[in-house]
Amino acid sequence: AGVSEMTASRAMRGAQDVSEATRQKVEQ
């Protein structure tokens, strides 16, 4: 996904400090 492991972890948990675009990219 081209992000840090911490960002990926937050995206997978649905954390609010991760943008919607990043969350969708990581989940996909």
mmCIF file of all heavy atoms, coordinates in Angstrom:
data_MODEL
# 
_entry.id   MODEL 
# 
loop_
_atom_site.group_PDB 
_atom_site.id 
_atom_site.type_symbol 
_atom_site.label_atom_id 
_atom_site.label_alt_id 
_atom_site.label_comp_id 
_atom_site.label_asym_id 
_atom_site.label_entity_id 
_atom_site.label_seq_id 
_atom_site.pdbx_PDB_ins_code 
_atom_site.Cartn_x 
_atom_site.Cartn_y 
_atom_site.Cartn_z 
_atom_site.occupancy 
_atom_site.B_iso_or_equiv 
_atom_site.pdbx_formal_charge 
_atom_site.auth_seq_id 
_atom_site.auth_comp_id 
_atom_site.auth_asym_id 
_atom_site.auth_atom_id 
_atom_site.pdbx_PDB_model_num 
ATOM 1   N N   . ALA A 1 1  ? 0.813   -1.221 0.000  1.00 0.00 ? 1  ALA A N   1 
ATOM 2   C CA  . ALA A 1 1  ? 0.000   0.000  0.000  1.00 0.00 ? 1  ALA A CA  1 
ATOM 3   C C   . ALA A 1 1  ? 0.847   1.271  0.000  1.00 0.00 ? 1  ALA A C   1 
ATOM 4   O O   . ALA A 1 1  ? 0.306   2.374  -0.179 1.00 0.00 ? 1  ALA A O   1 
ATOM 5   C CB  . ALA A 1 1  ? -0.932  0.002  1.208  1.00 0.00 ? 1  ALA A CB  1 
ATOM 6   N N   . GLY A 1 2  ? 2.152   1.125  0.226  1.00 0.00 ? 2  GLY A N   1 
ATOM 7   C CA  . GLY A 1 2  ? 3.031   2.289  0.261  1.00 0.00 ? 2  GLY A CA  1 
ATOM 8   C C   . GLY A 1 2  ? 2.840   3.141  1.503  1.00 0.00 ? 2  GLY A C   1 
ATOM 9   O O   . GLY A 1 2  ? 3.007   4.368  1.457  1.00 0.00 ? 2  GLY A O   1 
ATOM 10  N N   . VAL A 1 3  ? 2.506   2.511  2.640  1.00 0.00 ? 3  VAL A N   1 
ATOM 11  C CA  . VAL A 1 3  ? 2.319   3.235  3.903  1.00 0.00 ? 3  VAL A CA  1 
ATOM 12  C C   . VAL A 1 3  ? 3.136   2.530  4.972  1.00 0.00 ? 3  VAL A C   1 
ATOM 13  O O   . VAL A 1 3  ? 3.658   1.432  4.771  1.00 0.00 ? 3  VAL A O   1 
ATOM 14  C CB  . VAL A 1 3  ? 0.836   3.286  4.315  1.00 0.00 ? 3  VAL A CB  1 
ATOM 15  C CG1 . VAL A 1 3  ? 0.003   4.025  3.275  1.00 0.00 ? 3  VAL A CG1 1 
ATOM 16  C CG2 . VAL A 1 3  ? 0.276   1.884  4.538  1.00 0.00 ? 3  VAL A CG2 1 
ATOM 17  N N   . SER A 1 4  ? 3.228   3.155  6.146  1.00 0.00 ? 4  SER A N   1 
ATOM 18  C CA  . SER A 1 4  ? 3.942   2.528  7.253  1.00 0.00 ? 4  SER A CA  1 
ATOM 19  C C   . SER A 1 4  ? 3.107   1.393  7.837  1.00 0.00 ? 4  SER A C   1 
ATOM 20  O O   . SER A 1 4  ? 1.888   1.329  7.658  1.00 0.00 ? 4  SER A O   1 
ATOM 21  C CB  . SER A 1 4  ? 4.233   3.559  8.346  1.00 0.00 ? 4  SER A CB  1 
ATOM 22  O OG  . SER A 1 4  ? 3.021   3.949  8.980  1.00 0.00 ? 4  SER A OG  1 
ATOM 23  N N   . GLU A 1 5  ? 3.787   0.505  8.556  1.00 0.00 ? 5  GLU A N   1 
ATOM 24  C CA  . GLU A 1 5  ? 3.075   -0.608 9.180  1.00 0.00 ? 5  GLU A CA  1 
ATOM 25  C C   . GLU A 1 5  ? 2.060   -0.099 10.195 1.00 0.00 ? 5  GLU A C   1 
ATOM 26  O O   . GLU A 1 5  ? 0.966   -0.647 10.332 1.00 0.00 ? 5  GLU A O   1 
ATOM 27  C CB  . GLU A 1 5  ? 4.076   -1.556 9.845  1.00 0.00 ? 5  GLU A CB  1 
ATOM 28  C CG  . GLU A 1 5  ? 3.450   -2.843 10.340 1.00 0.00 ? 5  GLU A CG  1 
ATOM 29  C CD  . GLU A 1 5  ? 4.494   -3.848 10.815 1.00 0.00 ? 5  GLU A CD  1 
ATOM 30  O OE1 . GLU A 1 5  ? 5.698   -3.671 10.498 1.00 0.00 ? 5  GLU A OE1 1 
ATOM 31  O OE2 . GLU A 1 5  ? 4.110   -4.803 11.516 1.00 0.00 ? 5  GLU A OE2 1 
ATOM 32  N N   . MET A 1 6  ? 2.406   0.991  10.907 1.00 0.00 ? 6  MET A N   1 
ATOM 33  C CA  . MET A 1 6  ? 1.482   1.559  11.888 1.00 0.00 ? 6  MET A CA  1 
ATOM 34  C C   . MET A 1 6  ? 0.235   2.111  11.205 1.00 0.00 ? 6  MET A C   1 
ATOM 35  O O   . MET A 1 6  ? -0.902  1.910  11.677 1.00 0.00 ? 6  MET A O   1 
ATOM 36  C CB  . MET A 1 6  ? 2.169   2.672  12.693 1.00 0.00 ? 6  MET A CB  1 
ATOM 37  C CG  . MET A 1 6  ? 1.281   3.293  13.766 1.00 0.00 ? 6  MET A CG  1 
ATOM 38  S SD  . MET A 1 6  ? 2.165   4.486  14.799 1.00 0.00 ? 6  MET A SD  1 
ATOM 39  C CE  . MET A 1 6  ? 3.324   3.408  15.650 1.00 0.00 ? 6  MET A CE  1 
ATOM 40  N N   . THR A 1 7  ? 0.441   2.776  10.061 1.00 0.00 ? 7  THR A N   1 
ATOM 41  C CA  . THR A 1 7  ? -0.716  3.314  9.322  1.00 0.00 ? 7  THR A CA  1 
ATOM 42  C C   . THR A 1 7  ? -1.601  2.183  8.810  1.00 0.00 ? 7  THR A C   1 
ATOM 43  O O   . THR A 1 7  ? -2.831  2.250  8.876  1.00 0.00 ? 7  THR A O   1 
ATOM 44  C CB  . THR A 1 7  ? -0.241  4.178  8.143  1.00 0.00 ? 7  THR A CB  1 
ATOM 45  O OG1 . THR A 1 7  ? 0.497   5.292  8.653  1.00 0.00 ? 7  THR A OG1 1 
ATOM 46  C CG2 . THR A 1 7  ? -1.426  4.703  7.330  1.00 0.00 ? 7  THR A CG2 1 
ATOM 47  N N   . ALA A 1 8  ? -0.962  1.135  8.312  1.00 0.00 ? 8  ALA A N   1 
ATOM 48  C CA  . ALA A 1 8  ? -1.737  -0.013 7.830  1.00 0.00 ? 8  ALA A CA  1 
ATOM 49  C C   . ALA A 1 8  ? -2.538  -0.636 8.960  1.00 0.00 ? 8  ALA A C   1 
ATOM 50  O O   . ALA A 1 8  ? -3.701  -1.007 8.788  1.00 0.00 ? 8  ALA A O   1 
ATOM 51  C CB  . ALA A 1 8  ? -0.800  -1.047 7.204  1.00 0.00 ? 8  ALA A CB  1 
ATOM 52  N N   . SER A 1 9  ? -1.913  -0.731 10.143 1.00 0.00 ? 9  SER A N   1 
ATOM 53  C CA  . SER A 1 9  ? -2.612  -1.293 11.302 1.00 0.00 ? 9  SER A CA  1 
ATOM 54  C C   . SER A 1 9  ? -3.819  -0.442 11.675 1.00 0.00 ? 9  SER A C   1 
ATOM 55  O O   . SER A 1 9  ? -4.915  -0.959 11.917 1.00 0.00 ? 9  SER A O   1 
ATOM 56  C CB  . SER A 1 9  ? -1.644  -1.399 12.489 1.00 0.00 ? 9  SER A CB  1 
ATOM 57  O OG  . SER A 1 9  ? -2.322  -1.838 13.642 1.00 0.00 ? 9  SER A OG  1 
ATOM 58  N N   . ARG A 1 10 ? -3.618  0.861  11.699 1.00 0.00 ? 10 ARG A N   1 
ATOM 59  C CA  . ARG A 1 10 ? -4.728  1.763  12.036 1.00 0.00 ? 10 ARG A CA  1 
ATOM 60  C C   . ARG A 1 10 ? -5.835  1.693  10.986 1.00 0.00 ? 10 ARG A C   1 
ATOM 61  O O   . ARG A 1 10 ? -7.022  1.747  11.305 1.00 0.00 ? 10 ARG A O   1 
ATOM 62  C CB  . ARG A 1 10 ? -4.207  3.199  12.164 1.00 0.00 ? 10 ARG A CB  1 
ATOM 63  C CG  . ARG A 1 10 ? -3.369  3.438  13.421 1.00 0.00 ? 10 ARG A CG  1 
ATOM 64  C CD  . ARG A 1 10 ? -2.753  4.823  13.419 1.00 0.00 ? 10 ARG A CD  1 
ATOM 65  N NE  . ARG A 1 10 ? -2.033  5.098  14.646 1.00 0.00 ? 10 ARG A NE  1 
ATOM 66  C CZ  . ARG A 1 10 ? -1.200  6.110  14.809 1.00 0.00 ? 10 ARG A CZ  1 
ATOM 67  N NH1 . ARG A 1 10 ? -0.977  6.939  13.790 1.00 0.00 ? 10 ARG A NH1 1 
ATOM 68  N NH2 . ARG A 1 10 ? -0.581  6.289  15.956 1.00 0.00 ? 10 ARG A NH2 1 
ATOM 69  N N   . ALA A 1 11 ? -5.440  1.587  9.715  1.00 0.00 ? 11 ALA A N   1 
ATOM 70  C CA  . ALA A 1 11 ? -6.432  1.497  8.644  1.00 0.00 ? 11 ALA A CA  1 
ATOM 71  C C   . ALA A 1 11 ? -7.268  0.236  8.789  1.00 0.00 ? 11 ALA A C   1 
ATOM 72  O O   . ALA A 1 11 ? -8.490  0.256  8.609  1.00 0.00 ? 11 ALA A O   1 
ATOM 73  C CB  . ALA A 1 11 ? -5.735  1.528  7.286  1.00 0.00 ? 11 ALA A CB  1 
ATOM 74  N N   . MET A 1 12 ? -6.613  -0.891 9.113  1.00 0.00 ? 12 MET A N   1 
ATOM 75  C CA  . MET A 1 12 ? -7.334  -2.149 9.272  1.00 0.00 ? 12 MET A CA  1 
ATOM 76  C C   . MET A 1 12 ? -8.278  -2.103 10.469 1.00 0.00 ? 12 MET A C   1 
ATOM 77  O O   . MET A 1 12 ? -9.303  -2.780 10.485 1.00 0.00 ? 12 MET A O   1 
ATOM 78  C CB  . MET A 1 12 ? -6.342  -3.303 9.445  1.00 0.00 ? 12 MET A CB  1 
ATOM 79  C CG  . MET A 1 12 ? -5.471  -3.584 8.225  1.00 0.00 ? 12 MET A CG  1 
ATOM 80  S SD  . MET A 1 12 ? -6.407  -4.181 6.789  1.00 0.00 ? 12 MET A SD  1 
ATOM 81  C CE  . MET A 1 12 ? -6.937  -5.771 7.365  1.00 0.00 ? 12 MET A CE  1 
ATOM 82  N N   . ARG A 1 13 ? -7.938  -1.312 11.472 1.00 0.00 ? 13 ARG A N   1 
ATOM 83  C CA  . ARG A 1 13 ? -8.803  -1.181 12.658 1.00 0.00 ? 13 ARG A CA  1 
ATOM 84  C C   . ARG A 1 13 ? -9.883  -0.131 12.467 1.00 0.00 ? 13 ARG A C   1 
ATOM 85  O O   . ARG A 1 13 ? -10.741 0.038  13.333 1.00 0.00 ? 13 ARG A O   1 
ATOM 86  C CB  . ARG A 1 13 ? -7.971  -0.826 13.889 1.00 0.00 ? 13 ARG A CB  1 
ATOM 87  C CG  . ARG A 1 13 ? -6.975  -1.882 14.312 1.00 0.00 ? 13 ARG A CG  1 
ATOM 88  C CD  . ARG A 1 13 ? -6.513  -1.666 15.746 1.00 0.00 ? 13 ARG A CD  1 
ATOM 89  N NE  . ARG A 1 13 ? -6.089  -0.304 15.998 1.00 0.00 ? 13 ARG A NE  1 
ATOM 90  C CZ  . ARG A 1 13 ? -4.838  0.140  15.862 1.00 0.00 ? 13 ARG A CZ  1 
ATOM 91  N NH1 . ARG A 1 13 ? -3.893  -0.696 15.453 1.00 0.00 ? 13 ARG A NH1 1 
ATOM 92  N NH2 . ARG A 1 13 ? -4.516  1.390  16.124 1.00 0.00 ? 13 ARG A NH2 1 
ATOM 93  N N   . GLY A 1 14 ? -9.828  0.627  11.351 1.00 0.00 ? 14 GLY A N   1 
ATOM 94  C CA  . GLY A 1 14 ? -10.809 1.677  11.115 1.00 0.00 ? 14 GLY A CA  1 
ATOM 95  C C   . GLY A 1 14 ? -10.592 2.913  11.966 1.00 0.00 ? 14 GLY A C   1 
ATOM 96  O O   . GLY A 1 14 ? -11.547 3.618  12.307 1.00 0.00 ? 14 GLY A O   1 
ATOM 97  N N   . ALA A 1 15 ? -9.333  3.193  12.321 1.00 0.00 ? 15 ALA A N   1 
ATOM 98  C CA  . ALA A 1 15 ? -9.028  4.357  13.162 1.00 0.00 ? 15 ALA A CA  1 
ATOM 99  C C   . ALA A 1 15 ? -9.416  5.655  12.449 1.00 0.00 ? 15 ALA A C   1 
ATOM 100 O O   . ALA A 1 15 ? -9.245  5.791  11.234 1.00 0.00 ? 15 ALA A O   1 
ATOM 101 C CB  . ALA A 1 15 ? -7.538  4.374  13.499 1.00 0.00 ? 15 ALA A CB  1 
ATOM 102 N N   . GLN A 1 16 ? -9.890  6.643  13.227 1.00 0.00 ? 16 GLN A N   1 
ATOM 103 C CA  . GLN A 1 16 ? -10.404 7.890  12.654 1.00 0.00 ? 16 GLN A CA  1 
ATOM 104 C C   . GLN A 1 16 ? -9.308  8.797  12.116 1.00 0.00 ? 16 GLN A C   1 
ATOM 105 O O   . GLN A 1 16 ? -9.586  9.687  11.306 1.00 0.00 ? 16 GLN A O   1 
ATOM 106 C CB  . GLN A 1 16 ? -11.229 8.634  13.701 1.00 0.00 ? 16 GLN A CB  1 
ATOM 107 C CG  . GLN A 1 16 ? -12.510 7.887  14.088 1.00 0.00 ? 16 GLN A CG  1 
ATOM 108 C CD  . GLN A 1 16 ? -13.351 8.686  15.076 1.00 0.00 ? 16 GLN A CD  1 
ATOM 109 O OE1 . GLN A 1 16 ? -12.936 9.727  15.571 1.00 0.00 ? 16 GLN A OE1 1 
ATOM 110 N NE2 . GLN A 1 16 ? -14.549 8.186  15.356 1.00 0.00 ? 16 GLN A NE2 1 
ATOM 111 N N   . ASP A 1 17 ? -8.053  8.573  12.562 1.00 0.00 ? 17 ASP A N   1 
ATOM 112 C CA  . ASP A 1 17 ? -6.976  9.452  12.095 1.00 0.00 ? 17 ASP A CA  1 
ATOM 113 C C   . ASP A 1 17 ? -6.370  8.990  10.767 1.00 0.00 ? 17 ASP A C   1 
ATOM 114 O O   . ASP A 1 17 ? -5.361  9.537  10.319 1.00 0.00 ? 17 ASP A O   1 
ATOM 115 C CB  . ASP A 1 17 ? -5.875  9.573  13.161 1.00 0.00 ? 17 ASP A CB  1 
ATOM 116 C CG  . ASP A 1 17 ? -5.262  8.221  13.520 1.00 0.00 ? 17 ASP A CG  1 
ATOM 117 O OD1 . ASP A 1 17 ? -5.845  7.192  13.139 1.00 0.00 ? 17 ASP A OD1 1 
ATOM 118 O OD2 . ASP A 1 17 ? -4.211  8.215  14.191 1.00 0.00 ? 17 ASP A OD2 1 
ATOM 119 N N   . VAL A 1 18 ? -6.979  7.993  10.131 1.00 0.00 ? 18 VAL A N   1 
ATOM 120 C CA  . VAL A 1 18 ? -6.533  7.528  8.824  1.00 0.00 ? 18 VAL A CA  1 
ATOM 121 C C   . VAL A 1 18 ? -7.561  7.962  7.787  1.00 0.00 ? 18 VAL A C   1 
ATOM 122 O O   . VAL A 1 18 ? -8.769  7.788  7.982  1.00 0.00 ? 18 VAL A O   1 
ATOM 123 C CB  . VAL A 1 18 ? -6.381  5.988  8.799  1.00 0.00 ? 18 VAL A CB  1 
ATOM 124 C CG1 . VAL A 1 18 ? -5.998  5.509  7.410  1.00 0.00 ? 18 VAL A CG1 1 
ATOM 125 C CG2 . VAL A 1 18 ? -5.347  5.555  9.831  1.00 0.00 ? 18 VAL A CG2 1 
ATOM 126 N N   . SER A 1 19 ? -7.081  8.532  6.687  1.00 0.00 ? 19 SER A N   1 
ATOM 127 C CA  . SER A 1 19 ? -8.011  9.024  5.667  1.00 0.00 ? 19 SER A CA  1 
ATOM 128 C C   . SER A 1 19 ? -8.821  7.877  5.072  1.00 0.00 ? 19 SER A C   1 
ATOM 129 O O   . SER A 1 19 ? -8.382  6.726  5.044  1.00 0.00 ? 19 SER A O   1 
ATOM 130 C CB  . SER A 1 19 ? -7.249  9.746  4.557  1.00 0.00 ? 19 SER A CB  1 
ATOM 131 O OG  . SER A 1 19 ? -6.526  8.821  3.767  1.00 0.00 ? 19 SER A OG  1 
ATOM 132 N N   . GLU A 1 20 ? -10.010 8.226  4.573  1.00 0.00 ? 20 GLU A N   1 
ATOM 133 C CA  . GLU A 1 20 ? -10.889 7.221  3.976  1.00 0.00 ? 20 GLU A CA  1 
ATOM 134 C C   . GLU A 1 20 ? -10.225 6.569  2.766  1.00 0.00 ? 20 GLU A C   1 
ATOM 135 O O   . GLU A 1 20 ? -10.340 5.342  2.553  1.00 0.00 ? 20 GLU A O   1 
ATOM 136 C CB  . GLU A 1 20 ? -12.214 7.866  3.559  1.00 0.00 ? 20 GLU A CB  1 
ATOM 137 C CG  . GLU A 1 20 ? -13.227 6.911  2.952  1.00 0.00 ? 20 GLU A CG  1 
ATOM 138 C CD  . GLU A 1 20 ? -13.733 5.866  3.928  1.00 0.00 ? 20 GLU A CD  1 
ATOM 139 O OE1 . GLU A 1 20 ? -13.506 6.013  5.148  1.00 0.00 ? 20 GLU A OE1 1 
ATOM 140 O OE2 . GLU A 1 20 ? -14.343 4.879  3.469  1.00 0.00 ? 20 GLU A OE2 1 
ATOM 141 N N   . ALA A 1 21 ? -9.508  7.364  1.973  1.00 0.00 ? 21 ALA A N   1 
ATOM 142 C CA  . ALA A 1 21 ? -8.843  6.829  0.784  1.00 0.00 ? 21 ALA A CA  1 
ATOM 143 C C   . ALA A 1 21 ? -7.778  5.810  1.168  1.00 0.00 ? 21 ALA A C   1 
ATOM 144 O O   . ALA A 1 21 ? -7.666  4.739  0.541  1.00 0.00 ? 21 ALA A O   1 
ATOM 145 C CB  . ALA A 1 21 ? -8.216  7.967  -0.020 1.00 0.00 ? 21 ALA A CB  1 
ATOM 146 N N   . THR A 1 22 ? -6.991  6.131  2.201  1.00 0.00 ? 22 THR A N   1 
ATOM 147 C CA  . THR A 1 22 ? -5.948  5.205  2.660  1.00 0.00 ? 22 THR A CA  1 
ATOM 148 C C   . THR A 1 22 ? -6.567  3.937  3.226  1.00 0.00 ? 22 THR A C   1 
ATOM 149 O O   . THR A 1 22 ? -6.108  2.823  2.958  1.00 0.00 ? 22 THR A O   1 
ATOM 150 C CB  . THR A 1 22 ? -5.057  5.879  3.715  1.00 0.00 ? 22 THR A CB  1 
ATOM 151 O OG1 . THR A 1 22 ? -4.413  7.014  3.133  1.00 0.00 ? 22 THR A OG1 1 
ATOM 152 C CG2 . THR A 1 22 ? -4.008  4.916  4.236  1.00 0.00 ? 22 THR A CG2 1 
ATOM 153 N N   . ARG A 1 23 ? -7.621  4.093  4.012  1.00 0.00 ? 23 ARG A N   1 
ATOM 154 C CA  . ARG A 1 23 ? -8.288  2.932  4.598  1.00 0.00 ? 23 ARG A CA  1 
ATOM 155 C C   . ARG A 1 23 ? -8.799  1.996  3.511  1.00 0.00 ? 23 ARG A C   1 
ATOM 156 O O   . ARG A 1 23 ? -8.588  0.779  3.559  1.00 0.00 ? 23 ARG A O   1 
ATOM 157 C CB  . ARG A 1 23 ? -9.436  3.373  5.499  1.00 0.00 ? 23 ARG A CB  1 
ATOM 158 C CG  . ARG A 1 23 ? -10.145 2.203  6.202  1.00 0.00 ? 23 ARG A CG  1 
ATOM 159 C CD  . ARG A 1 23 ? -11.399 2.650  6.921  1.00 0.00 ? 23 ARG A CD  1 
ATOM 160 N NE  . ARG A 1 23 ? -12.423 3.119  5.985  1.00 0.00 ? 23 ARG A NE  1 
ATOM 161 C CZ  . ARG A 1 23 ? -13.189 2.306  5.260  1.00 0.00 ? 23 ARG A CZ  1 
ATOM 162 N NH1 . ARG A 1 23 ? -13.044 0.995  5.339  1.00 0.00 ? 23 ARG A NH1 1 
ATOM 163 N NH2 . ARG A 1 23 ? -14.099 2.800  4.441  1.00 0.00 ? 23 ARG A NH2 1 
ATOM 164 N N   . GLN A 1 24 ? -9.474  2.576  2.512  1.00 0.00 ? 24 GLN A N   1 
ATOM 165 C CA  . GLN A 1 24 ? -10.007 1.752  1.428  1.00 0.00 ? 24 GLN A CA  1 
ATOM 166 C C   . GLN A 1 24 ? -8.895  1.061  0.650  1.00 0.00 ? 24 GLN A C   1 
ATOM 167 O O   . GLN A 1 24 ? -9.027  -0.110 0.250  1.00 0.00 ? 24 GLN A O   1 
ATOM 168 C CB  . GLN A 1 24 ? -10.859 2.608  0.502  1.00 0.00 ? 24 GLN A CB  1 
ATOM 169 C CG  . GLN A 1 24 ? -12.184 3.063  1.114  1.00 0.00 ? 24 GLN A CG  1 
ATOM 170 C CD  . GLN A 1 24 ? -13.036 3.825  0.123  1.00 0.00 ? 24 GLN A CD  1 
ATOM 171 O OE1 . GLN A 1 24 ? -12.685 3.959  -1.038 1.00 0.00 ? 24 GLN A OE1 1 
ATOM 172 N NE2 . GLN A 1 24 ? -14.173 4.333  0.586  1.00 0.00 ? 24 GLN A NE2 1 
ATOM 173 N N   . LYS A 1 25 ? -7.790  1.776  0.423  1.00 0.00 ? 25 LYS A N   1 
ATOM 174 C CA  . LYS A 1 25 ? -6.667  1.205  -0.321 1.00 0.00 ? 25 LYS A CA  1 
ATOM 175 C C   . LYS A 1 25 ? -6.063  0.022  0.424  1.00 0.00 ? 25 LYS A C   1 
ATOM 176 O O   . LYS A 1 25 ? -5.835  -1.058 -0.156 1.00 0.00 ? 25 LYS A O   1 
ATOM 177 C CB  . LYS A 1 25 ? -5.601  2.276  -0.548 1.00 0.00 ? 25 LYS A CB  1 
ATOM 178 C CG  . LYS A 1 25 ? -4.397  1.781  -1.348 1.00 0.00 ? 25 LYS A CG  1 
ATOM 179 C CD  . LYS A 1 25 ? -3.383  2.906  -1.561 1.00 0.00 ? 25 LYS A CD  1 
ATOM 180 C CE  . LYS A 1 25 ? -2.188  2.408  -2.380 1.00 0.00 ? 25 LYS A CE  1 
ATOM 181 N NZ  . LYS A 1 25 ? -1.184  3.489  -2.565 1.00 0.00 ? 25 LYS A NZ  1 
ATOM 182 N N   . VAL A 1 26 ? -5.835  0.190  1.727  1.00 0.00 ? 26 VAL A N   1 
ATOM 183 C CA  . VAL A 1 26 ? -5.242  -0.872 2.538  1.00 0.00 ? 26 VAL A CA  1 
ATOM 184 C C   . VAL A 1 26 ? -6.180  -2.081 2.606  1.00 0.00 ? 26 VAL A C   1 
ATOM 185 O O   . VAL A 1 26 ? -5.762  -3.232 2.440  1.00 0.00 ? 26 VAL A O   1 
ATOM 186 C CB  . VAL A 1 26 ? -4.915  -0.355 3.958  1.00 0.00 ? 26 VAL A CB  1 
ATOM 187 C CG1 . VAL A 1 26 ? -4.526  -1.513 4.872  1.00 0.00 ? 26 VAL A CG1 1 
ATOM 188 C CG2 . VAL A 1 26 ? -3.791  0.677  3.895  1.00 0.00 ? 26 VAL A CG2 1 
ATOM 189 N N   . GLU A 1 27 ? -7.465  -1.827 2.834  1.00 0.00 ? 27 GLU A N   1 
ATOM 190 C CA  . GLU A 1 27 ? -8.434  -2.918 2.942  1.00 0.00 ? 27 GLU A CA  1 
ATOM 191 C C   . GLU A 1 27 ? -8.571  -3.677 1.625  1.00 0.00 ? 27 GLU A C   1 
ATOM 192 O O   . GLU A 1 27 ? -8.707  -4.908 1.621  1.00 0.00 ? 27 GLU A O   1 
ATOM 193 C CB  . GLU A 1 27 ? -9.793  -2.382 3.382  1.00 0.00 ? 27 GLU A CB  1 
ATOM 194 C CG  . GLU A 1 27 ? -9.828  -1.959 4.839  1.00 0.00 ? 27 GLU A CG  1 
ATOM 195 C CD  . GLU A 1 27 ? -11.209 -1.471 5.276  1.00 0.00 ? 27 GLU A CD  1 
ATOM 196 O OE1 . GLU A 1 27 ? -12.067 -1.238 4.394  1.00 0.00 ? 27 GLU A OE1 1 
ATOM 197 O OE2 . GLU A 1 27 ? -11.418 -1.318 6.501  1.00 0.00 ? 27 GLU A OE2 1 
ATOM 198 N N   . GLN A 1 28 ? -8.538  -2.953 0.509  1.00 0.00 ? 28 GLN A N   1 
ATOM 199 C CA  . GLN A 1 28 ? -8.664  -3.618 -0.794 1.00 0.00 ? 28 GLN A CA  1 
ATOM 200 C C   . GLN A 1 28 ? -7.446  -4.491 -1.082 1.00 0.00 ? 28 GLN A C   1 
ATOM 201 O O   . GLN A 1 28 ? -7.577  -5.615 -1.588 1.00 0.00 ? 28 GLN A O   1 
ATOM 202 C CB  . GLN A 1 28 ? -8.846  -2.584 -1.903 1.00 0.00 ? 28 GLN A CB  1 
ATOM 203 C CG  . GLN A 1 28 ? -9.127  -3.196 -3.271 1.00 0.00 ? 28 GLN A CG  1 
ATOM 204 C CD  . GLN A 1 28 ? -10.388 -4.045 -3.273 1.00 0.00 ? 28 GLN A CD  1 
ATOM 205 O OE1 . GLN A 1 28 ? -11.442 -3.594 -2.852 1.00 0.00 ? 28 GLN A OE1 1 
ATOM 206 N NE2 . GLN A 1 28 ? -10.277 -5.290 -3.733 1.00 0.00 ? 28 GLN A NE2 1 
# 
